[in-house]
Amino acid sequence: MAVEQWNDPIQVGFENETSGGARVILGPLDALKCLADLWPSARGLRYLKARSTCRAALDGRKSVEEARAEFVAAAEEAKLKVN
């Protein structure tokens, strides 16, 4: 499996993150790790869609930019800071 990356990385702020409160997400694989390990306990429909779309992007069924858009929507739904 090739490591896919987004054209424009995303910086996501987490209040509970010990390393300065922010993580840079480079692509769908990073996003899946973030969704699994760092996400707030409130997980809505956008969270589920982002997880699904990131997996699909890694399998080549969706584009990495579609996955990026869904990840950003999930972060906004969770009220996380996104840059």
N, C-alpha and C. Protein backbone atom coordinates (compact mmCIF):
# COMPACT_ATOMS: atom_id res chain seq x y z
N MET A 1 0.85 -1.19 0.00
CA MET A 1 0.00 0.00 0.00
C MET A 1 0.89 1.24 0.00
N ALA A 2 0.67 2.11 -0.94
CA ALA A 2 1.41 3.37 -1.02
C ALA A 2 0.93 4.33 0.07
N VAL A 3 1.85 5.13 0.56
CA VAL A 3 1.48 6.12 1.56
C VAL A 3 0.98 7.36 0.83
N GLU A 4 -0.31 7.58 0.91
CA GLU A 4 -0.92 8.73 0.25
C GLU A 4 -0.89 9.94 1.17
N GLN A 5 -0.64 11.11 0.59
CA GLN A 5 -0.65 12.34 1.37
C GLN A 5 -1.51 13.38 0.68
N TRP A 6 -2.03 14.31 1.50
CA TRP A 6 -2.84 15.40 0.99
C TRP A 6 -1.96 16.47 0.39
N ASN A 7 -2.52 17.26 -0.52
CA ASN A 7 -1.79 18.38 -1.10
C ASN A 7 -1.49 19.44 -0.04
N ASP A 8 -2.38 19.58 0.93
CA ASP A 8 -2.25 20.61 1.96
C ASP A 8 -2.47 19.97 3.33
N PRO A 9 -1.40 19.77 4.13
CA PRO A 9 -1.57 19.15 5.46
C PRO A 9 -2.52 19.96 6.33
N ILE A 10 -3.09 19.29 7.31
CA ILE A 10 -4.05 19.90 8.23
C ILE A 10 -3.46 19.89 9.63
N GLN A 11 -3.52 21.03 10.30
CA GLN A 11 -3.12 21.10 11.70
C GLN A 11 -4.40 21.08 12.54
N VAL A 12 -4.46 20.11 13.46
CA VAL A 12 -5.64 19.95 14.31
C VAL A 12 -5.23 20.16 15.75
N GLY A 13 -5.97 20.99 16.46
CA GLY A 13 -5.69 21.25 17.86
C GLY A 13 -6.51 20.38 18.77
N PHE A 14 -5.84 19.75 19.73
CA PHE A 14 -6.50 18.91 20.74
C PHE A 14 -6.18 19.48 22.10
N GLU A 15 -7.20 19.68 22.91
CA GLU A 15 -6.98 20.23 24.25
C GLU A 15 -6.22 19.28 25.14
N ASN A 16 -6.42 17.96 24.93
CA ASN A 16 -5.80 16.98 25.82
C ASN A 16 -4.43 16.52 25.33
N GLU A 17 -3.97 17.03 24.22
CA GLU A 17 -2.68 16.63 23.64
C GLU A 17 -1.55 17.26 24.45
N THR A 18 -0.61 16.44 24.88
CA THR A 18 0.48 16.93 25.72
C THR A 18 1.58 17.63 24.93
N SER A 19 1.68 17.36 23.64
CA SER A 19 2.77 17.94 22.85
C SER A 19 2.35 19.24 22.17
N GLY A 20 1.97 20.22 22.97
CA GLY A 20 1.65 21.53 22.42
C GLY A 20 0.21 21.69 21.97
N GLY A 21 -0.57 20.63 22.03
CA GLY A 21 -1.98 20.74 21.72
C GLY A 21 -2.36 20.61 20.26
N ALA A 22 -1.40 20.37 19.36
CA ALA A 22 -1.73 20.29 17.94
C ALA A 22 -1.00 19.15 17.27
N ARG A 23 -1.62 18.60 16.25
CA ARG A 23 -1.01 17.56 15.43
C ARG A 23 -1.15 17.96 13.97
N VAL A 24 -0.14 17.67 13.18
CA VAL A 24 -0.20 17.89 11.74
C VAL A 24 -0.58 16.56 11.09
N ILE A 25 -1.65 16.58 10.34
CA ILE A 25 -2.16 15.39 9.67
C ILE A 25 -1.79 15.51 8.18
N LEU A 26 -1.01 14.55 7.71
CA LEU A 26 -0.47 14.62 6.35
C LEU A 26 -1.30 13.88 5.31
N GLY A 27 -2.12 12.93 5.76
CA GLY A 27 -2.89 12.15 4.80
C GLY A 27 -3.87 11.22 5.50
N PRO A 28 -4.53 10.35 4.73
CA PRO A 28 -5.57 9.48 5.28
C PRO A 28 -5.08 8.52 6.37
N LEU A 29 -3.85 8.03 6.25
CA LEU A 29 -3.34 7.12 7.28
C LEU A 29 -3.17 7.86 8.60
N ASP A 30 -2.57 9.05 8.56
CA ASP A 30 -2.45 9.89 9.76
C ASP A 30 -3.83 10.20 10.32
N ALA A 31 -4.77 10.49 9.43
CA ALA A 31 -6.13 10.83 9.86
C ALA A 31 -6.78 9.67 10.59
N LEU A 32 -6.62 8.45 10.08
CA LEU A 32 -7.19 7.28 10.74
C LEU A 32 -6.60 7.08 12.13
N LYS A 33 -5.29 7.27 12.26
CA LYS A 33 -4.64 7.15 13.57
C LYS A 33 -5.19 8.20 14.53
N CYS A 34 -5.36 9.40 14.02
CA CYS A 34 -5.90 10.51 14.81
C CYS A 34 -7.34 10.21 15.25
N LEU A 35 -8.15 9.75 14.31
CA LEU A 35 -9.54 9.43 14.61
C LEU A 35 -9.65 8.32 15.65
N ALA A 36 -8.74 7.36 15.60
CA ALA A 36 -8.78 6.24 16.54
C ALA A 36 -8.20 6.58 17.91
N ASP A 37 -7.11 7.34 17.92
CA ASP A 37 -6.37 7.52 19.17
C ASP A 37 -6.57 8.84 19.90
N LEU A 38 -6.91 9.91 19.17
CA LEU A 38 -6.94 11.24 19.79
C LEU A 38 -8.31 11.89 19.81
N TRP A 39 -9.26 11.32 19.11
CA TRP A 39 -10.55 11.98 18.93
C TRP A 39 -11.33 12.08 20.22
N PRO A 40 -12.06 13.19 20.40
CA PRO A 40 -12.93 13.32 21.57
C PRO A 40 -13.98 12.21 21.60
N SER A 41 -14.51 11.94 22.76
CA SER A 41 -15.46 10.84 22.91
C SER A 41 -16.78 11.07 22.15
N ALA A 42 -17.13 12.32 21.91
CA ALA A 42 -18.35 12.62 21.14
C ALA A 42 -18.04 12.40 19.66
N ARG A 43 -18.59 11.32 19.10
CA ARG A 43 -18.31 10.96 17.71
C ARG A 43 -19.61 10.88 16.94
N GLY A 44 -19.74 11.78 15.98
CA GLY A 44 -20.98 11.87 15.22
C GLY A 44 -20.89 11.26 13.83
N LEU A 45 -21.85 11.62 13.01
CA LEU A 45 -21.95 11.10 11.66
C LEU A 45 -20.73 11.48 10.81
N ARG A 46 -20.23 12.69 10.97
CA ARG A 46 -19.06 13.13 10.20
C ARG A 46 -17.82 12.32 10.58
N TYR A 47 -17.70 11.96 11.84
CA TYR A 47 -16.60 11.11 12.29
C TYR A 47 -16.64 9.78 11.54
N LEU A 48 -17.82 9.16 11.51
CA LEU A 48 -17.97 7.87 10.83
C LEU A 48 -17.68 7.98 9.34
N LYS A 49 -18.15 9.06 8.73
CA LYS A 49 -17.93 9.25 7.30
C LYS A 49 -16.44 9.50 7.02
N ALA A 50 -15.78 10.26 7.86
CA ALA A 50 -14.35 10.52 7.69
C ALA A 50 -13.56 9.23 7.79
N ARG A 51 -13.88 8.42 8.78
CA ARG A 51 -13.18 7.15 8.96
C ARG A 51 -13.36 6.25 7.73
N SER A 52 -14.58 6.17 7.26
CA SER A 52 -14.88 5.35 6.09
C SER A 52 -14.18 5.87 4.83
N THR A 53 -14.22 7.18 4.62
CA THR A 53 -13.62 7.78 3.43
C THR A 53 -12.10 7.68 3.46
N CYS A 54 -11.49 7.81 4.62
CA CYS A 54 -10.04 7.65 4.73
C CYS A 54 -9.62 6.22 4.40
N ARG A 55 -10.38 5.25 4.87
CA ARG A 55 -10.10 3.85 4.52
C ARG A 55 -10.25 3.64 3.02
N ALA A 56 -11.30 4.21 2.45
CA ALA A 56 -11.53 4.08 1.01
C ALA A 56 -10.41 4.73 0.20
N ALA A 57 -9.89 5.83 0.69
CA ALA A 57 -8.79 6.51 -0.01
C ALA A 57 -7.53 5.64 0.02
N LEU A 58 -7.28 4.99 1.12
CA LEU A 58 -6.12 4.11 1.21
C LEU A 58 -6.26 2.90 0.30
N ASP A 59 -7.50 2.46 0.07
CA ASP A 59 -7.77 1.33 -0.82
C ASP A 59 -7.89 1.74 -2.28
N GLY A 60 -7.87 3.06 -2.55
CA GLY A 60 -7.98 3.55 -3.91
C GLY A 60 -9.40 3.69 -4.42
N ARG A 61 -10.39 3.57 -3.52
CA ARG A 61 -11.80 3.71 -3.91
C ARG A 61 -12.30 5.15 -3.84
N LYS A 62 -11.58 6.00 -3.15
CA LYS A 62 -11.88 7.44 -3.05
C LYS A 62 -10.57 8.19 -3.21
N SER A 63 -10.68 9.47 -3.54
CA SER A 63 -9.46 10.27 -3.65
C SER A 63 -8.99 10.72 -2.27
N VAL A 64 -7.71 11.01 -2.17
CA VAL A 64 -7.18 11.50 -0.89
C VAL A 64 -7.78 12.86 -0.54
N GLU A 65 -8.13 13.65 -1.55
CA GLU A 65 -8.71 14.96 -1.27
C GLU A 65 -10.17 14.83 -0.77
N GLU A 66 -10.88 13.81 -1.21
CA GLU A 66 -12.22 13.54 -0.64
C GLU A 66 -12.07 13.19 0.84
N ALA A 67 -11.08 12.37 1.14
CA ALA A 67 -10.82 11.99 2.53
C ALA A 67 -10.46 13.21 3.37
N ARG A 68 -9.67 14.10 2.80
CA ARG A 68 -9.28 15.32 3.50
C ARG A 68 -10.50 16.15 3.85
N ALA A 69 -11.38 16.33 2.88
CA ALA A 69 -12.60 17.13 3.10
C ALA A 69 -13.47 16.53 4.20
N GLU A 70 -13.59 15.21 4.20
CA GLU A 70 -14.40 14.55 5.24
C GLU A 70 -13.74 14.65 6.61
N PHE A 71 -12.41 14.57 6.64
CA PHE A 71 -11.70 14.70 7.91
C PHE A 71 -11.87 16.10 8.49
N VAL A 72 -11.78 17.12 7.64
CA VAL A 72 -11.97 18.50 8.09
C VAL A 72 -13.40 18.67 8.62
N ALA A 73 -14.38 18.11 7.93
CA ALA A 73 -15.78 18.20 8.38
C ALA A 73 -15.95 17.53 9.73
N ALA A 74 -15.29 16.39 9.94
CA ALA A 74 -15.38 15.70 11.22
C ALA A 74 -14.73 16.52 12.34
N ALA A 75 -13.61 17.15 12.04
CA ALA A 75 -12.94 18.00 13.03
C ALA A 75 -13.82 19.19 13.40
N GLU A 76 -14.46 19.77 12.41
CA GLU A 76 -15.36 20.90 12.69
C GLU A 76 -16.56 20.44 13.51
N GLU A 77 -17.09 19.25 13.20
CA GLU A 77 -18.21 18.69 13.96
C GLU A 77 -17.82 18.49 15.42
N ALA A 78 -16.57 18.06 15.65
CA ALA A 78 -16.07 17.81 17.00
C ALA A 78 -15.60 19.09 17.69
N LYS A 79 -15.72 20.22 16.98
CA LYS A 79 -15.34 21.53 17.50
C LYS A 79 -13.84 21.60 17.83
N LEU A 80 -13.04 20.98 16.97
CA LEU A 80 -11.59 21.05 17.10
C LEU A 80 -11.07 22.21 16.26
N LYS A 81 -9.94 22.75 16.66
CA LYS A 81 -9.31 23.83 15.89
C LYS A 81 -8.62 23.22 14.68
N VAL A 82 -8.94 23.76 13.50
CA VAL A 82 -8.37 23.25 12.25
C VAL A 82 -7.72 24.40 11.50
N ASN A 83 -6.47 24.19 11.07
CA ASN A 83 -5.74 25.17 10.26
C ASN A 83 -5.24 24.50 9.00
